[in-house]
All heavy atoms as atom14 arrays in JSON, in Angstrom:
{
  "sequence": "AKPPKMNLLALSVQFFAEPKIVGYISKNNF",
  "atom14_mask": [
    [1, 1, 1, 1, 1, 0, 0, 0, 0, 0, 0, 0, 0, 0],
    [1, 1, 1, 1, 1, 1, 1, 1, 1, 0, 0, 0, 0, 0],
    [1, 1, 1, 1, 1, 1, 1, 0, 0, 0, 0, 0, 0, 0],
    [1, 1, 1, 1, 1, 1, 1, 0, 0, 0, 0, 0, 0, 0],
    [1, 1, 1, 1, 1, 1, 1, 1, 1, 0, 0, 0, 0, 0],
    [1, 1, 1, 1, 1, 1, 1, 1, 0, 0, 0, 0, 0, 0],
    [1, 1, 1, 1, 1, 1, 1, 1, 0, 0, 0, 0, 0, 0],
    [1, 1, 1, 1, 1, 1, 1, 1, 0, 0, 0, 0, 0, 0],
    [1, 1, 1, 1, 1, 1, 1, 1, 0, 0, 0, 0, 0, 0],
    [1, 1, 1, 1, 1, 0, 0, 0, 0, 0, 0, 0, 0, 0],
    [1, 1, 1, 1, 1, 1, 1, 1, 0, 0, 0, 0, 0, 0],
    [1, 1, 1, 1, 1, 1, 0, 0, 0, 0, 0, 0, 0, 0],
    [1, 1, 1, 1, 1, 1, 1, 0, 0, 0, 0, 0, 0, 0],
    [1, 1, 1, 1, 1, 1, 1, 1, 1, 0, 0, 0, 0, 0],
    [1, 1, 1, 1, 1, 1, 1, 1, 1, 1, 1, 0, 0, 0],
    [1, 1, 1, 1, 1, 1, 1, 1, 1, 1, 1, 0, 0, 0],
    [1, 1, 1, 1, 1, 0, 0, 0, 0, 0, 0, 0, 0, 0],
    [1, 1, 1, 1, 1, 1, 1, 1, 1, 0, 0, 0, 0, 0],
    [1, 1, 1, 1, 1, 1, 1, 0, 0, 0, 0, 0, 0, 0],
    [1, 1, 1, 1, 1, 1, 1, 1, 1, 0, 0, 0, 0, 0],
    [1, 1, 1, 1, 1, 1, 1, 1, 0, 0, 0, 0, 0, 0],
    [1, 1, 1, 1, 1, 1, 1, 0, 0, 0, 0, 0, 0, 0],
    [1, 1, 1, 1, 0, 0, 0, 0, 0, 0, 0, 0, 0, 0],
    [1, 1, 1, 1, 1, 1, 1, 1, 1, 1, 1, 1, 0, 0],
    [1, 1, 1, 1, 1, 1, 1, 1, 0, 0, 0, 0, 0, 0],
    [1, 1, 1, 1, 1, 1, 0, 0, 0, 0, 0, 0, 0, 0],
    [1, 1, 1, 1, 1, 1, 1, 1, 1, 0, 0, 0, 0, 0],
    [1, 1, 1, 1, 1, 1, 1, 1, 0, 0, 0, 0, 0, 0],
    [1, 1, 1, 1, 1, 1, 1, 1, 0, 0, 0, 0, 0, 0],
    [1, 1, 1, 1, 1, 1, 1, 1, 1, 1, 1, 0, 0, 0]
  ],
  "atom14_positions": [
    [[-55.31, 145.34, -133.96], [-55.9, 144.01, -133.76], [-55.51, 143.04, -134.87], [-55.25, 143.44, -136.01], [-57.41, 144.13, -133.68], [0.0, 0.0, 0.0], [0.0, 0.0, 0.0], [0.0, 0.0, 0.0], [0.0, 0.0, 0.0], [0.0, 0.0, 0.0], [0.0, 0.0, 0.0], [0.0, 0.0, 0.0], [0.0, 0.0, 0.0], [0.0, 0.0, 0.0]],
    [[-55.47, 141.77, -134.52], [-55.16, 140.71, -135.47], [-56.41, 139.85, -135.7], [-57.34, 139.89, -134.91], [-54.02, 139.84, -134.94], [-52.74, 140.61, -134.68], [-52.18, 141.23, -135.96], [-50.88, 141.99, -135.7], [-50.39, 142.68, -136.92], [0.0, 0.0, 0.0], [0.0, 0.0, 0.0], [0.0, 0.0, 0.0], [0.0, 0.0, 0.0], [0.0, 0.0, 0.0]],
    [[-56.42, 139.09, -136.81], [-57.57, 138.21, -137.06], [-57.78, 137.27, -135.88], [-56.78, 136.83, -135.27], [-57.14, 137.44, -138.31], [-56.12, 138.31, -138.97], [-55.41, 139.02, -137.85], [0.0, 0.0, 0.0], [0.0, 0.0, 0.0], [0.0, 0.0, 0.0], [0.0, 0.0, 0.0], [0.0, 0.0, 0.0], [0.0, 0.0, 0.0], [0.0, 0.0, 0.0]],
    [[-59.01, 136.96, -135.48], [-60.27, 137.34, -136.16], [-60.91, 138.59, -135.58], [-62.09, 138.83, -135.81], [-61.13, 136.12, -135.89], [-60.72, 135.7, -134.5], [-59.24, 135.98, -134.41], [0.0, 0.0, 0.0], [0.0, 0.0, 0.0], [0.0, 0.0, 0.0], [0.0, 0.0, 0.0], [0.0, 0.0, 0.0], [0.0, 0.0, 0.0], [0.0, 0.0, 0.0]],
    [[-60.15, 139.4, -134.84], [-60.73, 140.55, -134.16], [-60.61, 141.85, -134.95], [-60.94, 142.92, -134.45], [-60.05, 140.73, -132.79], [-60.28, 139.55, -131.84], [-59.64, 139.81, -130.5], [-59.9, 138.66, -129.53], [-59.29, 138.9, -128.21], [0.0, 0.0, 0.0], [0.0, 0.0, 0.0], [0.0, 0.0, 0.0], [0.0, 0.0, 0.0], [0.0, 0.0, 0.0]],
    [[-60.16, 141.77, -136.18], [-59.97, 142.98, -136.98], [-61.3, 143.55, -137.47], [-62.17, 142.81, -137.92], [-59.07, 142.68, -138.18], [-57.67, 142.28, -137.79], [-56.69, 141.8, -139.23], [-56.37, 143.4, -139.97], [0.0, 0.0, 0.0], [0.0, 0.0, 0.0], [0.0, 0.0, 0.0], [0.0, 0.0, 0.0], [0.0, 0.0, 0.0], [0.0, 0.0, 0.0]],
    [[-61.43, 144.89, -137.35], [-62.6, 145.56, -137.92], [-62.16, 146.29, -139.19], [-61.02, 146.16, -139.65], [-63.23, 146.5, -136.9], [-62.3, 147.63, -136.49], [-61.17, 147.77, -137.0], [-62.74, 148.46, -135.57], [0.0, 0.0, 0.0], [0.0, 0.0, 0.0], [0.0, 0.0, 0.0], [0.0, 0.0, 0.0], [0.0, 0.0, 0.0], [0.0, 0.0, 0.0]],
    [[-63.05, 147.08, -139.76], [-62.76, 147.77, -141.02], [-61.59, 148.75, -140.87], [-60.76, 148.88, -141.78], [-64.01, 148.49, -141.52], [-63.91, 149.14, -142.9], [-63.58, 148.1, -143.96], [-65.22, 149.85, -143.25], [0.0, 0.0, 0.0], [0.0, 0.0, 0.0], [0.0, 0.0, 0.0], [0.0, 0.0, 0.0], [0.0, 0.0, 0.0], [0.0, 0.0, 0.0]],
    [[-61.53, 149.43, -139.73], [-60.44, 150.39, -139.51], [-59.1, 149.67, -139.49], [-58.13, 150.13, -140.1], [-60.66, 151.15, -138.2], [-59.58, 152.16, -137.82], [-59.43, 153.24, -138.88], [-59.9, 152.81, -136.45], [0.0, 0.0, 0.0], [0.0, 0.0, 0.0], [0.0, 0.0, 0.0], [0.0, 0.0, 0.0], [0.0, 0.0, 0.0], [0.0, 0.0, 0.0]],
    [[-59.03, 148.55, -138.79], [-57.79, 147.78, -138.72], [-57.38, 147.28, -140.1], [-56.21, 147.36, -140.49], [-57.96, 146.61, -137.76], [0.0, 0.0, 0.0], [0.0, 0.0, 0.0], [0.0, 0.0, 0.0], [0.0, 0.0, 0.0], [0.0, 0.0, 0.0], [0.0, 0.0, 0.0], [0.0, 0.0, 0.0], [0.0, 0.0, 0.0], [0.0, 0.0, 0.0]],
    [[-58.34, 146.77, -140.84], [-58.06, 146.27, -142.19], [-57.52, 147.39, -143.08], [-56.56, 147.2, -143.83], [-59.32, 145.67, -142.8], [-59.77, 144.32, -142.24], [-61.19, 144.0, -142.71], [-58.8, 143.21, -142.66], [0.0, 0.0, 0.0], [0.0, 0.0, 0.0], [0.0, 0.0, 0.0], [0.0, 0.0, 0.0], [0.0, 0.0, 0.0], [0.0, 0.0, 0.0]],
    [[-58.15, 148.56, -142.98], [-57.76, 149.69, -143.81], [-56.35, 150.17, -143.46], [-55.5, 150.34, -144.34], [-58.76, 150.83, -143.63], [-58.35, 151.98, -144.32], [0.0, 0.0, 0.0], [0.0, 0.0, 0.0], [0.0, 0.0, 0.0], [0.0, 0.0, 0.0], [0.0, 0.0, 0.0], [0.0, 0.0, 0.0], [0.0, 0.0, 0.0], [0.0, 0.0, 0.0]],
    [[-56.09, 150.39, -142.18], [-54.79, 150.9, -141.76], [-53.7, 149.88, -142.06], [-52.62, 150.21, -142.59], [-54.79, 151.26, -140.26], [-53.37, 151.58, -139.79], [-55.71, 152.45, -140.0], [0.0, 0.0, 0.0], [0.0, 0.0, 0.0], [0.0, 0.0, 0.0], [0.0, 0.0, 0.0], [0.0, 0.0, 0.0], [0.0, 0.0, 0.0], [0.0, 0.0, 0.0]],
    [[-53.95, 148.6, -141.76], [-52.93, 147.58, -141.94], [-52.69, 147.24, -143.42], [-51.68, 146.63, -143.77], [-53.29, 146.33, -141.15], [-53.19, 146.56, -139.64], [-53.46, 145.32, -138.83], [-53.1, 144.2, -139.21], [-54.11, 145.5, -137.67], [0.0, 0.0, 0.0], [0.0, 0.0, 0.0], [0.0, 0.0, 0.0], [0.0, 0.0, 0.0], [0.0, 0.0, 0.0]],
    [[-53.6, 147.64, -144.29], [-53.36, 147.51, -145.72], [-52.24, 148.46, -146.15], [-51.39, 148.11, -146.97], [-54.64, 147.84, -146.51], [-54.47, 147.81, -148.0], [-54.52, 146.61, -148.69], [-54.24, 148.98, -148.72], [-54.35, 146.57, -150.08], [-54.07, 148.96, -150.09], [-54.13, 147.75, -150.78], [0.0, 0.0, 0.0], [0.0, 0.0, 0.0], [0.0, 0.0, 0.0]],
    [[-52.23, 149.65, -145.56], [-51.27, 150.68, -145.95], [-50.01, 150.72, -145.09], [-48.96, 151.2, -145.54], [-51.94, 152.06, -145.88], [-52.98, 152.3, -146.92], [-54.32, 152.21, -146.61], [-52.62, 152.63, -148.23], [-55.3, 152.44, -147.57], [-53.59, 152.86, -149.2], [-54.94, 152.76, -148.88], [0.0, 0.0, 0.0], [0.0, 0.0, 0.0], [0.0, 0.0, 0.0]],
    [[-50.1, 150.28, -143.84], [-48.98, 150.48, -142.92], [-48.88, 149.38, -141.88], [-49.83, 148.62, -141.66], [-49.14, 151.84, -142.22], [0.0, 0.0, 0.0], [0.0, 0.0, 0.0], [0.0, 0.0, 0.0], [0.0, 0.0, 0.0], [0.0, 0.0, 0.0], [0.0, 0.0, 0.0], [0.0, 0.0, 0.0], [0.0, 0.0, 0.0], [0.0, 0.0, 0.0]],
    [[-47.72, 149.33, -141.24], [-47.5, 148.41, -140.11], [-47.69, 149.22, -138.83], [-46.91, 150.12, -138.53], [-46.08, 147.84, -140.15], [-45.75, 147.02, -141.38], [-46.45, 145.68, -141.39], [-46.99, 145.27, -140.33], [-46.47, 145.02, -142.45], [0.0, 0.0, 0.0], [0.0, 0.0, 0.0], [0.0, 0.0, 0.0], [0.0, 0.0, 0.0], [0.0, 0.0, 0.0]],
    [[-48.75, 148.92, -138.06], [-48.99, 149.69, -136.83], [-48.3, 149.07, -135.61], [-48.17, 147.85, -135.51], [-50.51, 149.61, -136.68], [-50.86, 148.27, -137.26], [-49.86, 147.99, -138.35], [0.0, 0.0, 0.0], [0.0, 0.0, 0.0], [0.0, 0.0, 0.0], [0.0, 0.0, 0.0], [0.0, 0.0, 0.0], [0.0, 0.0, 0.0], [0.0, 0.0, 0.0]],
    [[-47.85, 149.92, -134.72], [-47.21, 149.45, -133.49], [-47.55, 150.4, -132.35], [-47.41, 151.62, -132.48], [-45.69, 149.38, -133.66], [-44.94, 148.95, -132.41], [-43.45, 148.98, -132.62], [-42.7, 148.6, -131.35], [-41.22, 148.71, -131.53], [0.0, 0.0, 0.0], [0.0, 0.0, 0.0], [0.0, 0.0, 0.0], [0.0, 0.0, 0.0], [0.0, 0.0, 0.0]],
    [[-48.0, 149.85, -131.25], [-48.26, 150.66, -130.05], [-46.94, 150.92, -129.34], [-46.22, 149.98, -128.98], [-49.27, 149.97, -129.12], [-50.68, 150.01, -129.75], [-49.29, 150.64, -127.75], [-51.74, 149.28, -128.96], [0.0, 0.0, 0.0], [0.0, 0.0, 0.0], [0.0, 0.0, 0.0], [0.0, 0.0, 0.0], [0.0, 0.0, 0.0], [0.0, 0.0, 0.0]],
    [[-46.62, 152.19, -129.15], [-45.36, 152.59, -128.52], [-45.52, 152.67, -127.0], [-44.62, 152.31, -126.24], [-44.88, 153.94, -129.08], [-43.63, 154.43, -128.33], [-44.61, 153.83, -130.57], [0.0, 0.0, 0.0], [0.0, 0.0, 0.0], [0.0, 0.0, 0.0], [0.0, 0.0, 0.0], [0.0, 0.0, 0.0], [0.0, 0.0, 0.0], [0.0, 0.0, 0.0]],
    [[-46.68, 153.16, -126.56], [-46.9, 153.28, -125.12], [-48.27, 153.86, -124.84], [-48.92, 154.44, -125.71], [0.0, 0.0, 0.0], [0.0, 0.0, 0.0], [0.0, 0.0, 0.0], [0.0, 0.0, 0.0], [0.0, 0.0, 0.0], [0.0, 0.0, 0.0], [0.0, 0.0, 0.0], [0.0, 0.0, 0.0], [0.0, 0.0, 0.0], [0.0, 0.0, 0.0]],
    [[-48.71, 153.67, -123.6], [-50.02, 154.17, -123.18], [-49.85, 155.43, -122.33], [-48.85, 155.59, -121.62], [-50.76, 153.1, -122.38], [-51.1, 151.87, -123.21], [-50.37, 150.7, -123.08], [-52.13, 151.91, -124.14], [-50.66, 149.58, -123.85], [-52.44, 150.79, -124.92], [-51.7, 149.63, -124.77], [-51.99, 148.54, -125.54], [0.0, 0.0, 0.0], [0.0, 0.0, 0.0]],
    [[-50.84, 156.32, -122.42], [-50.79, 157.59, -121.71], [-52.06, 157.74, -120.87], [-53.18, 157.74, -121.41], [-50.7, 158.78, -122.68], [-49.57, 158.59, -123.69], [-50.5, 160.08, -121.9], [-49.57, 159.64, -124.78], [0.0, 0.0, 0.0], [0.0, 0.0, 0.0], [0.0, 0.0, 0.0], [0.0, 0.0, 0.0], [0.0, 0.0, 0.0], [0.0, 0.0, 0.0]],
    [[-51.89, 157.89, -119.58], [-53.03, 158.12, -118.7], [-53.69, 159.46, -119.02], [-53.01, 160.43, -119.38], [-52.58, 158.1, -117.24], [-53.58, 158.64, -116.39], [0.0, 0.0, 0.0], [0.0, 0.0, 0.0], [0.0, 0.0, 0.0], [0.0, 0.0, 0.0], [0.0, 0.0, 0.0], [0.0, 0.0, 0.0], [0.0, 0.0, 0.0], [0.0, 0.0, 0.0]],
    [[-55.0, 159.5, -118.86], [-55.73, 160.75, -119.09], [-55.29, 161.87, -118.17], [-55.51, 163.05, -118.45], [-57.24, 160.52, -118.94], [-57.68, 159.87, -117.65], [-59.18, 159.66, -117.65], [-59.66, 158.79, -116.49], [-59.36, 157.36, -116.72], [0.0, 0.0, 0.0], [0.0, 0.0, 0.0], [0.0, 0.0, 0.0], [0.0, 0.0, 0.0], [0.0, 0.0, 0.0]],
    [[-54.61, 161.53, -117.07], [-54.14, 162.54, -116.11], [-53.02, 163.41, -116.67], [-52.64, 164.41, -116.06], [-53.66, 161.86, -114.83], [-54.78, 161.12, -114.12], [-55.92, 161.6, -114.09], [-54.49, 159.97, -113.55], [0.0, 0.0, 0.0], [0.0, 0.0, 0.0], [0.0, 0.0, 0.0], [0.0, 0.0, 0.0], [0.0, 0.0, 0.0], [0.0, 0.0, 0.0]],
    [[-52.46, 163.03, -117.83], [-51.36, 163.78, -118.43], [-51.83, 164.86, -119.39], [-51.02, 165.48, -120.06], [-50.42, 162.82, -119.16], [-49.69, 161.9, -118.21], [-48.83, 162.33, -117.44], [-50.02, 160.62, -118.23], [0.0, 0.0, 0.0], [0.0, 0.0, 0.0], [0.0, 0.0, 0.0], [0.0, 0.0, 0.0], [0.0, 0.0, 0.0], [0.0, 0.0, 0.0]],
    [[-53.14, 165.07, -119.47], [-53.7, 166.06, -120.38], [-54.44, 167.14, -119.6], [-54.94, 166.91, -118.52], [-54.7, 165.4, -121.35], [-54.07, 164.43, -122.32], [-53.89, 163.09, -121.98], [-53.67, 164.85, -123.58], [-53.33, 162.2, -122.87], [-53.11, 163.96, -124.48], [-52.94, 162.63, -124.12], [0.0, 0.0, 0.0], [0.0, 0.0, 0.0], [0.0, 0.0, 0.0]]
  ]
}
C-alpha cells in the first residue's frame, strides 16, 4: 500500500525493501 493507506506493516517492510506483487493465486491451487 501507498500513502495514505499504509499501516505499520507496510511502513516496516517498505523501510527495508521494495515490495512488488508478482501474481495472485486462487485458493483452489492449494
